[in-house]
Amino acid sequence: MSTFIATEFSEPRLHPVLDRPADARGLKEALRSLGGGVSVVTAGEGDLRSGATVTSATALSVDPPRMLVSLNRSSSTWPVVDRFRHFAVNVVGDDHRDIANRFAGVGGVRGAERYQGAEWTRLASGAPVLETAVAALDCEVEEAIERHSHVIVIGRVLAIRLGRGSSLLYQNGRYHSLT
């Protein structure tokens, strides 16, 4: 283990350092500082649709094309992904803030009601895809790994749709746009 030793060349600290316990609250507080791309993960059909706003969607590999998303096991989205064995990662932009909020549960809207007010289509897997998404990755579940409160879902990318615009970012409890 290495130890950092301040020298005469060290810059003075401009911000106080706040140590936090290594618990759920401390981890959440630390991760709020990490900006992430906002995606809406969707799954299901008809009245059995659900979805969630996440910053956890990322590429597991590009060759072969695989996506990874982490979903809370107690969410309404995980059982739908598990049942239908598909999901879409809809990368949303600045003009999708209302959709991101709705799928994050703002206003208490759940399940298929979250899809109202936007246009949806389907690609190869049958998962709902936002027509105006910046990008959409349509996946079938390849593997699901349950750990603690979440499920790590690995998806085989079946289809990709590219739209227009810049992706929406989330940091410190707020949305940010690069445009």
N, C-alpha and C. Protein backbone atom coordinates (compact mmCIF):
# COMPACT_ATOMS: atom_id res chain seq x y z
N MET A 1 0.84 -1.16 0.00
CA MET A 1 0.00 0.00 0.00
C MET A 1 0.89 1.22 0.00
N SER A 2 0.56 2.19 -0.85
CA SER A 2 1.34 3.42 -0.89
C SER A 2 0.64 4.51 -0.10
N THR A 3 1.45 5.44 0.37
CA THR A 3 0.93 6.56 1.15
C THR A 3 1.33 7.84 0.45
N PHE A 4 0.39 8.75 0.32
CA PHE A 4 0.68 10.04 -0.28
C PHE A 4 1.27 10.94 0.80
N ILE A 5 2.39 11.55 0.48
CA ILE A 5 3.03 12.47 1.42
C ILE A 5 3.08 13.84 0.76
N ALA A 6 2.53 14.82 1.44
CA ALA A 6 2.53 16.19 0.92
C ALA A 6 3.96 16.73 0.91
N THR A 7 4.29 17.42 -0.15
CA THR A 7 5.61 18.03 -0.24
C THR A 7 5.43 19.53 -0.45
N GLU A 8 6.53 20.22 -0.54
CA GLU A 8 6.45 21.66 -0.75
C GLU A 8 5.84 21.99 -2.11
N PHE A 9 5.73 21.00 -3.00
CA PHE A 9 5.18 21.22 -4.33
C PHE A 9 3.67 20.99 -4.39
N SER A 10 3.08 20.53 -3.30
CA SER A 10 1.65 20.26 -3.28
C SER A 10 0.86 21.56 -3.35
N GLU A 11 -0.23 21.50 -4.10
CA GLU A 11 -1.14 22.63 -4.17
C GLU A 11 -1.96 22.69 -2.88
N PRO A 12 -2.27 23.88 -2.41
CA PRO A 12 -3.13 23.97 -1.23
C PRO A 12 -4.54 23.47 -1.56
N ARG A 13 -5.21 22.88 -0.60
CA ARG A 13 -6.56 22.39 -0.80
C ARG A 13 -7.53 23.57 -0.86
N LEU A 14 -8.30 23.63 -1.91
CA LEU A 14 -9.27 24.70 -2.08
C LEU A 14 -10.63 24.32 -1.49
N HIS A 15 -10.87 23.02 -1.36
CA HIS A 15 -12.14 22.53 -0.84
C HIS A 15 -11.86 21.60 0.34
N PRO A 16 -12.68 21.66 1.35
CA PRO A 16 -12.45 20.75 2.48
C PRO A 16 -12.71 19.31 2.07
N VAL A 17 -11.99 18.41 2.65
CA VAL A 17 -12.16 16.98 2.41
C VAL A 17 -13.13 16.46 3.47
N LEU A 18 -14.13 15.74 3.02
CA LEU A 18 -15.13 15.18 3.94
C LEU A 18 -15.07 13.66 3.85
N ASP A 19 -14.61 13.02 4.89
CA ASP A 19 -14.59 11.57 4.92
C ASP A 19 -15.99 11.06 5.20
N ARG A 20 -16.35 9.96 4.54
CA ARG A 20 -17.66 9.36 4.70
C ARG A 20 -17.49 7.89 5.05
N PRO A 21 -18.44 7.33 5.78
CA PRO A 21 -18.37 5.89 6.05
C PRO A 21 -18.62 5.09 4.76
N ALA A 22 -18.06 3.90 4.70
CA ALA A 22 -18.23 3.04 3.53
C ALA A 22 -19.54 2.26 3.68
N ASP A 23 -20.65 3.00 3.61
CA ASP A 23 -21.98 2.39 3.70
C ASP A 23 -22.82 2.88 2.52
N ALA A 24 -24.08 2.47 2.47
CA ALA A 24 -24.95 2.82 1.34
C ALA A 24 -25.07 4.33 1.16
N ARG A 25 -25.26 5.03 2.25
CA ARG A 25 -25.41 6.49 2.16
C ARG A 25 -24.14 7.15 1.65
N GLY A 26 -22.98 6.73 2.17
CA GLY A 26 -21.72 7.29 1.73
C GLY A 26 -21.46 7.00 0.26
N LEU A 27 -21.78 5.78 -0.17
CA LEU A 27 -21.58 5.41 -1.57
C LEU A 27 -22.48 6.23 -2.49
N LYS A 28 -23.74 6.39 -2.11
CA LYS A 28 -24.66 7.21 -2.92
C LYS A 28 -24.15 8.64 -3.03
N GLU A 29 -23.68 9.18 -1.93
CA GLU A 29 -23.18 10.56 -1.93
C GLU A 29 -21.96 10.69 -2.84
N ALA A 30 -21.07 9.73 -2.79
CA ALA A 30 -19.88 9.77 -3.64
C ALA A 30 -20.25 9.63 -5.12
N LEU A 31 -21.16 8.71 -5.42
CA LEU A 31 -21.52 8.46 -6.82
C LEU A 31 -22.32 9.60 -7.45
N ARG A 32 -22.96 10.42 -6.62
CA ARG A 32 -23.68 11.58 -7.17
C ARG A 32 -22.73 12.52 -7.91
N SER A 33 -21.45 12.52 -7.53
CA SER A 33 -20.47 13.39 -8.18
C SER A 33 -20.02 12.85 -9.53
N LEU A 34 -20.30 11.58 -9.79
CA LEU A 34 -19.91 10.95 -11.06
C LEU A 34 -21.02 11.17 -12.09
N GLY A 35 -20.75 12.01 -13.07
CA GLY A 35 -21.74 12.25 -14.11
C GLY A 35 -21.91 11.02 -14.98
N GLY A 36 -23.14 10.78 -15.42
CA GLY A 36 -23.41 9.62 -16.26
C GLY A 36 -24.43 9.93 -17.32
N GLY A 37 -24.36 9.18 -18.41
CA GLY A 37 -25.35 9.30 -19.47
C GLY A 37 -26.69 8.74 -19.01
N VAL A 38 -27.77 9.38 -19.42
CA VAL A 38 -29.11 8.97 -19.02
C VAL A 38 -29.72 8.11 -20.12
N SER A 39 -30.19 6.93 -19.71
CA SER A 39 -30.89 6.03 -20.62
C SER A 39 -32.18 5.57 -19.97
N VAL A 40 -33.15 5.27 -20.80
CA VAL A 40 -34.40 4.67 -20.33
C VAL A 40 -34.38 3.22 -20.81
N VAL A 41 -34.37 2.30 -19.85
CA VAL A 41 -34.40 0.88 -20.15
C VAL A 41 -35.86 0.46 -20.19
N THR A 42 -36.27 -0.16 -21.29
CA THR A 42 -37.66 -0.55 -21.49
C THR A 42 -37.78 -2.03 -21.77
N ALA A 43 -38.93 -2.60 -21.42
CA ALA A 43 -39.17 -4.03 -21.66
C ALA A 43 -40.66 -4.31 -21.60
N GLY A 44 -41.05 -5.44 -22.16
CA GLY A 44 -42.43 -5.90 -22.06
C GLY A 44 -43.28 -5.59 -23.27
N GLU A 45 -44.56 -5.93 -23.14
CA GLU A 45 -45.53 -5.71 -24.22
C GLU A 45 -46.86 -5.27 -23.62
N GLY A 46 -47.57 -4.41 -24.35
CA GLY A 46 -48.90 -3.98 -23.95
C GLY A 46 -48.95 -3.45 -22.53
N ASP A 47 -49.93 -3.95 -21.76
CA ASP A 47 -50.07 -3.52 -20.38
C ASP A 47 -48.99 -4.09 -19.47
N LEU A 48 -48.19 -4.99 -19.99
CA LEU A 48 -47.11 -5.60 -19.20
C LEU A 48 -45.77 -4.92 -19.47
N ARG A 49 -45.82 -3.69 -19.98
CA ARG A 49 -44.58 -2.92 -20.20
C ARG A 49 -44.16 -2.23 -18.91
N SER A 50 -42.87 -2.06 -18.77
CA SER A 50 -42.31 -1.28 -17.68
C SER A 50 -41.00 -0.70 -18.16
N GLY A 51 -40.37 0.05 -17.32
CA GLY A 51 -39.09 0.64 -17.69
C GLY A 51 -38.55 1.48 -16.56
N ALA A 52 -37.30 1.86 -16.69
CA ALA A 52 -36.63 2.63 -15.64
C ALA A 52 -35.59 3.56 -16.26
N THR A 53 -35.40 4.71 -15.64
CA THR A 53 -34.33 5.62 -16.02
C THR A 53 -33.08 5.20 -15.27
N VAL A 54 -31.97 5.05 -16.01
CA VAL A 54 -30.73 4.58 -15.40
C VAL A 54 -29.54 5.39 -15.91
N THR A 55 -28.48 5.37 -15.12
CA THR A 55 -27.18 5.85 -15.58
C THR A 55 -26.20 4.68 -15.62
N SER A 56 -26.73 3.47 -15.41
CA SER A 56 -25.88 2.28 -15.33
C SER A 56 -25.72 1.53 -16.64
N ALA A 57 -26.34 1.98 -17.72
CA ALA A 57 -26.22 1.28 -19.01
C ALA A 57 -24.86 1.58 -19.63
N THR A 58 -24.18 0.52 -20.03
CA THR A 58 -22.86 0.69 -20.65
C THR A 58 -22.57 -0.50 -21.55
N ALA A 59 -21.61 -0.34 -22.42
CA ALA A 59 -21.19 -1.45 -23.26
C ALA A 59 -20.32 -2.40 -22.44
N LEU A 60 -20.64 -3.68 -22.50
CA LEU A 60 -19.79 -4.69 -21.90
C LEU A 60 -18.67 -5.03 -22.88
N SER A 61 -19.03 -5.16 -24.15
CA SER A 61 -18.04 -5.37 -25.21
C SER A 61 -18.63 -4.89 -26.52
N VAL A 62 -17.76 -4.54 -27.45
CA VAL A 62 -18.22 -4.15 -28.78
C VAL A 62 -18.09 -5.29 -29.78
N ASP A 63 -17.25 -6.26 -29.47
CA ASP A 63 -17.09 -7.42 -30.35
C ASP A 63 -16.92 -8.66 -29.49
N PRO A 64 -17.97 -9.40 -29.23
CA PRO A 64 -19.31 -9.25 -29.79
C PRO A 64 -20.07 -8.12 -29.09
N PRO A 65 -21.06 -7.52 -29.78
CA PRO A 65 -21.81 -6.41 -29.20
C PRO A 65 -22.68 -6.86 -28.02
N ARG A 66 -22.33 -6.36 -26.83
CA ARG A 66 -23.06 -6.71 -25.60
C ARG A 66 -23.23 -5.46 -24.76
N MET A 67 -24.40 -5.32 -24.17
CA MET A 67 -24.69 -4.22 -23.25
C MET A 67 -24.84 -4.77 -21.86
N LEU A 68 -24.60 -3.91 -20.89
CA LEU A 68 -24.74 -4.27 -19.48
C LEU A 68 -25.58 -3.18 -18.82
N VAL A 69 -26.55 -3.61 -18.02
CA VAL A 69 -27.35 -2.66 -17.26
C VAL A 69 -27.61 -3.26 -15.88
N SER A 70 -27.62 -2.40 -14.88
CA SER A 70 -27.87 -2.84 -13.52
C SER A 70 -29.27 -2.38 -13.13
N LEU A 71 -30.11 -3.32 -12.71
CA LEU A 71 -31.49 -3.00 -12.32
C LEU A 71 -31.74 -3.44 -10.88
N ASN A 72 -32.48 -2.64 -10.15
CA ASN A 72 -32.85 -2.99 -8.79
C ASN A 72 -33.79 -4.18 -8.83
N ARG A 73 -33.52 -5.18 -8.01
CA ARG A 73 -34.35 -6.39 -7.99
C ARG A 73 -35.77 -6.10 -7.53
N SER A 74 -35.96 -5.05 -6.72
CA SER A 74 -37.29 -4.72 -6.23
C SER A 74 -38.04 -3.76 -7.15
N SER A 75 -37.44 -3.38 -8.26
CA SER A 75 -38.10 -2.47 -9.19
C SER A 75 -39.20 -3.19 -9.97
N SER A 76 -40.05 -2.42 -10.61
CA SER A 76 -41.08 -3.02 -11.47
C SER A 76 -40.49 -3.44 -12.81
N THR A 77 -39.29 -3.01 -13.11
CA THR A 77 -38.68 -3.29 -14.41
C THR A 77 -38.03 -4.68 -14.47
N TRP A 78 -37.31 -5.07 -13.44
CA TRP A 78 -36.60 -6.34 -13.47
C TRP A 78 -37.52 -7.53 -13.75
N PRO A 79 -38.68 -7.69 -13.09
CA PRO A 79 -39.52 -8.86 -13.39
C PRO A 79 -39.99 -8.89 -14.85
N VAL A 80 -40.17 -7.72 -15.46
CA VAL A 80 -40.61 -7.66 -16.86
C VAL A 80 -39.46 -8.08 -17.78
N VAL A 81 -38.25 -7.59 -17.51
CA VAL A 81 -37.08 -8.00 -18.29
C VAL A 81 -36.89 -9.51 -18.15
N ASP A 82 -37.02 -10.02 -16.95
CA ASP A 82 -36.85 -11.45 -16.70
C ASP A 82 -37.91 -12.28 -17.45
N ARG A 83 -39.14 -11.82 -17.43
CA ARG A 83 -40.22 -12.56 -18.09
C ARG A 83 -40.08 -12.55 -19.61
N PHE A 84 -39.83 -11.38 -20.20
CA PHE A 84 -39.80 -11.26 -21.66
C PHE A 84 -38.43 -11.54 -22.25
N ARG A 85 -37.39 -11.56 -21.42
CA ARG A 85 -36.02 -11.86 -21.84
C ARG A 85 -35.51 -10.90 -22.91
N HIS A 86 -36.00 -9.67 -22.85
CA HIS A 86 -35.51 -8.61 -23.75
C HIS A 86 -35.50 -7.28 -23.01
N PHE A 87 -34.77 -6.33 -23.57
CA PHE A 87 -34.80 -4.95 -23.09
C PHE A 87 -34.19 -4.05 -24.16
N ALA A 88 -34.55 -2.77 -24.10
CA ALA A 88 -33.94 -1.78 -24.98
C ALA A 88 -33.31 -0.71 -24.11
N VAL A 89 -32.14 -0.26 -24.51
CA VAL A 89 -31.48 0.87 -23.87
C VAL A 89 -31.73 2.06 -24.79
N ASN A 90 -32.56 2.98 -24.33
CA ASN A 90 -32.91 4.18 -25.09
C ASN A 90 -32.10 5.35 -24.55
N VAL A 91 -31.09 5.78 -25.29
CA VAL A 91 -30.26 6.91 -24.88
C VAL A 91 -31.09 8.17 -25.14
N VAL A 92 -31.36 8.94 -24.09
CA VAL A 92 -32.22 10.10 -24.24
C VAL A 92 -31.43 11.40 -24.26
N GLY A 93 -32.04 12.42 -24.86
CA GLY A 93 -31.41 13.72 -24.99
C GLY A 93 -32.08 14.77 -24.14
N ASP A 94 -31.64 16.00 -24.30
CA ASP A 94 -32.13 17.11 -23.50
C ASP A 94 -33.65 17.29 -23.63
N ASP A 95 -34.19 17.04 -24.80
CA ASP A 95 -35.63 17.20 -25.00
C ASP A 95 -36.44 16.02 -24.46
N HIS A 96 -35.80 15.08 -23.79
CA HIS A 96 -36.48 13.92 -23.21
C HIS A 96 -36.51 13.97 -21.68
N ARG A 97 -36.28 15.12 -21.08
CA ARG A 97 -36.25 15.22 -19.62
C ARG A 97 -37.55 14.74 -18.99
N ASP A 98 -38.69 15.06 -19.62
CA ASP A 98 -39.97 14.62 -19.06
C ASP A 98 -40.10 13.11 -19.10
N ILE A 99 -39.61 12.49 -20.16
CA ILE A 99 -39.65 11.02 -20.27
C ILE A 99 -38.72 10.41 -19.22
N ALA A 100 -37.51 10.97 -19.07
CA ALA A 100 -36.57 10.46 -18.08
C ALA A 100 -37.18 10.57 -16.68
N ASN A 101 -37.83 11.68 -16.38
CA ASN A 101 -38.47 11.83 -15.07
C ASN A 101 -39.60 10.83 -14.87
N ARG A 102 -40.42 10.64 -15.89
CA ARG A 102 -41.54 9.71 -15.79
C ARG A 102 -41.04 8.29 -15.52
N PHE A 103 -40.00 7.86 -16.24
CA PHE A 103 -39.47 6.51 -16.05
C PHE A 103 -38.64 6.40 -14.77
N ALA A 104 -38.28 7.54 -14.18
CA ALA A 104 -37.61 7.53 -12.88
C ALA A 104 -38.62 7.48 -11.74
N GLY A 105 -39.90 7.54 -12.08
CA GLY A 105 -40.94 7.44 -11.07
C GLY A 105 -41.44 8.77 -10.55
N VAL A 106 -40.96 9.87 -11.12
CA VAL A 106 -41.44 11.19 -10.69
C VAL A 106 -42.93 11.28 -11.02
N GLY A 107 -43.72 11.67 -10.06
CA GLY A 107 -45.16 11.77 -10.24
C GLY A 107 -45.89 10.47 -9.93
N GLY A 108 -45.15 9.43 -9.58
CA GLY A 108 -45.77 8.18 -9.18
C GLY A 108 -46.32 7.32 -10.30
N VAL A 109 -46.04 7.67 -11.54
CA VAL A 109 -46.52 6.88 -12.68
C VAL A 109 -45.71 5.60 -12.78
N ARG A 110 -46.40 4.47 -12.99
CA ARG A 110 -45.72 3.17 -13.04
C ARG A 110 -46.14 2.38 -14.28
N GLY A 111 -45.38 1.33 -14.57
CA GLY A 111 -45.73 0.38 -15.62
C GLY A 111 -45.97 1.02 -16.97
N ALA A 112 -47.01 0.53 -17.65
CA ALA A 112 -47.32 0.97 -19.02
C ALA A 112 -47.70 2.44 -19.10
N GLU A 113 -48.15 3.05 -18.01
CA GLU A 113 -48.50 4.48 -18.01
C GLU A 113 -47.29 5.35 -18.31
N ARG A 114 -46.09 4.88 -18.02
CA ARG A 114 -44.88 5.66 -18.28
C ARG A 114 -44.65 5.91 -19.77
N TYR A 115 -45.27 5.10 -20.61
CA TYR A 115 -45.08 5.21 -22.06
C TYR A 115 -45.95 6.28 -22.70
N GLN A 116 -46.92 6.80 -21.99
CA GLN A 116 -47.82 7.80 -22.54
C GLN A 116 -47.08 9.09 -22.84
N GLY A 117 -47.50 9.75 -23.92
CA GLY A 117 -46.91 11.04 -24.28
C GLY A 117 -45.68 10.95 -25.15
N ALA A 118 -45.33 9.77 -25.62
CA ALA A 118 -44.17 9.60 -26.52
C ALA A 118 -44.51 8.53 -27.56
N GLU A 119 -43.77 8.53 -28.65
CA GLU A 119 -43.98 7.54 -29.70
C GLU A 119 -42.98 6.41 -29.55
N TRP A 120 -43.49 5.18 -29.62
CA TRP A 120 -42.68 3.98 -29.41
C TRP A 120 -42.81 3.06 -30.60
N THR A 121 -41.77 2.29 -30.84
CA THR A 121 -41.77 1.27 -31.88
C THR A 121 -41.08 0.05 -31.31
N ARG A 122 -40.90 -0.96 -32.12
CA ARG A 122 -40.19 -2.18 -31.71
C ARG A 122 -39.19 -2.54 -32.80
N LEU A 123 -38.09 -3.13 -32.38
CA LEU A 123 -37.09 -3.63 -33.33
C LEU A 123 -37.08 -5.15 -33.24
N ALA A 124 -35.95 -5.78 -33.28
CA ALA A 124 -35.86 -7.25 -33.38
C ALA A 124 -36.37 -8.00 -32.16
N SER A 125 -36.08 -7.54 -30.94
CA SER A 125 -36.44 -8.30 -29.75
C SER A 125 -37.89 -8.14 -29.33
N GLY A 126 -38.51 -7.06 -29.77
CA GLY A 126 -39.87 -6.74 -29.35
C GLY A 126 -39.93 -5.76 -28.20
N ALA A 127 -38.79 -5.39 -27.63
CA ALA A 127 -38.78 -4.41 -26.54
C ALA A 127 -39.17 -3.03 -27.09
N PRO A 128 -39.87 -2.22 -26.30
CA PRO A 128 -40.25 -0.88 -26.76
C PRO A 128 -39.02 0.01 -26.98
N VAL A 129 -39.02 0.72 -28.10
CA VAL A 129 -37.92 1.62 -28.46
C VAL A 129 -38.52 3.01 -28.69
N LEU A 130 -37.94 4.01 -28.05
CA LEU A 130 -38.38 5.39 -28.19
C LEU A 130 -38.03 5.89 -29.59
N GLU A 131 -39.04 6.31 -30.34
CA GLU A 131 -38.85 6.77 -31.73
C GLU A 131 -37.83 7.88 -31.84
N THR A 132 -37.80 8.80 -30.88
CA THR A 132 -36.94 9.98 -30.96
C THR A 132 -35.68 9.86 -30.11
N ALA A 133 -35.32 8.67 -29.70
CA ALA A 133 -34.11 8.49 -28.88
C ALA A 133 -32.88 8.93 -29.65
N VAL A 134 -31.89 9.41 -28.93
CA VAL A 134 -30.60 9.76 -29.52
C VAL A 134 -29.98 8.50 -30.12
N ALA A 135 -30.13 7.39 -29.42
CA ALA A 135 -29.72 6.08 -29.90
C ALA A 135 -30.53 5.04 -29.13
N ALA A 136 -30.74 3.89 -29.76
CA ALA A 136 -31.45 2.81 -29.08
C ALA A 136 -30.72 1.51 -29.39
N LEU A 137 -30.53 0.70 -28.34
CA LEU A 137 -29.88 -0.59 -28.48
C LEU A 137 -30.86 -1.65 -28.04
N ASP A 138 -31.28 -2.47 -28.95
CA ASP A 138 -32.29 -3.49 -28.73
C ASP A 138 -31.58 -4.80 -28.37
N CYS A 139 -31.92 -5.38 -27.22
CA CYS A 139 -31.15 -6.51 -26.69
C CYS A 139 -32.05 -7.67 -26.26
N GLU A 140 -31.48 -8.86 -26.35
CA GLU A 140 -32.09 -10.01 -25.70
C GLU A 140 -31.19 -10.38 -24.52
N VAL A 141 -31.81 -10.85 -23.46
CA VAL A 141 -31.04 -11.18 -22.25
C VAL A 141 -30.16 -12.39 -22.53
N GLU A 142 -28.87 -12.23 -22.32
CA GLU A 142 -27.92 -13.32 -22.45
C GLU A 142 -27.65 -13.95 -21.08
N GLU A 143 -27.57 -13.08 -20.06
CA GLU A 143 -27.30 -13.57 -18.70
C GLU A 143 -27.76 -12.53 -17.70
N ALA A 144 -28.21 -13.00 -16.57
CA ALA A 144 -28.61 -12.12 -15.46
C ALA A 144 -27.91 -12.63 -14.21
N ILE A 145 -27.20 -11.73 -13.55
CA ILE A 145 -26.42 -12.08 -12.37
C ILE A 145 -27.00 -11.32 -11.18
N GLU A 146 -27.62 -12.02 -10.27
CA GLU A 146 -28.21 -11.39 -9.10
C GLU A 146 -27.16 -11.23 -8.01
N ARG A 147 -26.98 -9.97 -7.58
CA ARG A 147 -26.05 -9.67 -6.51
C ARG A 147 -26.68 -8.61 -5.61
N HIS A 148 -26.83 -8.96 -4.36
CA HIS A 148 -27.32 -8.03 -3.35
C HIS A 148 -28.66 -7.44 -3.78
N SER A 149 -28.77 -6.13 -3.88
CA SER A 149 -30.06 -5.50 -4.20
C SER A 149 -30.32 -5.40 -5.70
N HIS A 150 -29.34 -5.74 -6.52
CA HIS A 150 -29.47 -5.52 -7.96
C HIS A 150 -29.23 -6.78 -8.80
N VAL A 151 -29.60 -6.65 -10.06
CA VAL A 151 -29.34 -7.68 -11.07
C VAL A 151 -28.50 -7.03 -12.16
N ILE A 152 -27.40 -7.65 -12.48
CA ILE A 152 -26.57 -7.21 -13.61
C ILE A 152 -27.08 -7.97 -14.81
N VAL A 153 -27.65 -7.24 -15.76
CA VAL A 153 -28.26 -7.87 -16.94
C VAL A 153 -27.33 -7.64 -18.13
N ILE A 154 -26.92 -8.73 -18.74
CA ILE A 154 -26.08 -8.67 -19.94
C ILE A 154 -26.96 -8.97 -21.13
N GLY A 155 -26.94 -8.08 -22.10
CA GLY A 155 -27.78 -8.23 -23.28
C GLY A 155 -26.98 -8.36 -24.56
N ARG A 156 -27.42 -9.29 -25.39
CA ARG A 156 -26.86 -9.43 -26.74
C ARG A 156 -27.57 -8.43 -27.62
N VAL A 157 -26.82 -7.52 -28.22
CA VAL A 157 -27.41 -6.47 -29.05
C VAL A 157 -27.89 -7.09 -30.36
N LEU A 158 -29.19 -6.94 -30.62
CA LEU A 158 -29.81 -7.48 -31.83
C LEU A 158 -29.98 -6.42 -32.91
N ALA A 159 -30.22 -5.18 -32.50
CA ALA A 159 -30.46 -4.09 -33.45
C ALA A 159 -30.04 -2.77 -32.81
N ILE A 160 -29.67 -1.84 -33.67
CA ILE A 160 -29.24 -0.51 -33.22
C ILE A 160 -29.94 0.53 -34.09
N ARG A 161 -30.47 1.55 -33.44
CA ARG A 161 -31.09 2.67 -34.15
C ARG A 161 -30.39 3.94 -33.69
N LEU A 162 -29.91 4.74 -34.65
CA LEU A 162 -29.26 6.01 -34.32
C LEU A 162 -30.19 7.14 -34.69
N GLY A 163 -30.39 8.05 -33.72
CA GLY A 163 -31.22 9.23 -33.95
C GLY A 163 -30.34 10.46 -34.05
N ARG A 164 -30.86 11.56 -33.52
CA ARG A 164 -30.13 12.83 -33.56
C ARG A 164 -30.04 13.42 -32.17
N GLY A 165 -29.06 14.30 -32.01
CA GLY A 165 -28.94 15.04 -30.77
C GLY A 165 -27.81 14.54 -29.90
N SER A 166 -27.68 15.18 -28.75
CA SER A 166 -26.66 14.83 -27.76
C SER A 166 -27.35 14.19 -26.57
N SER A 167 -26.65 13.27 -25.94
CA SER A 167 -27.24 12.57 -24.81
C SER A 167 -27.35 13.46 -23.59
N LEU A 168 -28.34 13.16 -22.77
CA LEU A 168 -28.58 13.86 -21.52
C LEU A 168 -27.65 13.27 -20.46
N LEU A 169 -27.12 14.12 -19.59
CA LEU A 169 -26.24 13.68 -18.52
C LEU A 169 -26.89 13.95 -17.17
N TYR A 170 -26.48 13.19 -16.16
CA TYR A 170 -27.02 13.35 -14.81
C TYR A 170 -25.86 13.38 -13.82
N GLN A 171 -25.84 14.43 -12.99
CA GLN A 171 -24.79 14.57 -11.98
C GLN A 171 -25.31 15.44 -10.85
N ASN A 172 -24.98 15.06 -9.62
CA ASN A 172 -25.36 15.83 -8.44
C ASN A 172 -26.85 16.13 -8.38
N GLY A 173 -27.67 15.14 -8.77
CA GLY A 173 -29.11 15.26 -8.66
C GLY A 173 -29.77 16.12 -9.71
N ARG A 174 -29.03 16.46 -10.79
CA ARG A 174 -29.59 17.31 -11.84
C ARG A 174 -29.21 16.80 -13.21
N TYR A 175 -30.08 17.09 -14.18
CA TYR A 175 -29.77 16.81 -15.58
C TYR A 175 -28.88 17.92 -16.12
N HIS A 176 -28.01 17.53 -17.08
CA HIS A 176 -27.13 18.49 -17.74
C HIS A 176 -27.11 18.16 -19.22
N SER A 177 -26.93 19.18 -20.03
CA SER A 177 -26.86 19.01 -21.47
C SER A 177 -25.57 19.62 -21.98
N LEU A 178 -24.99 19.00 -22.97
CA LEU A 178 -23.75 19.52 -23.55
C LEU A 178 -24.03 20.47 -24.71
N THR A 179 -25.31 20.65 -25.04
CA THR A 179 -25.63 21.54 -26.18
C THR A 179 -25.89 22.93 -25.72
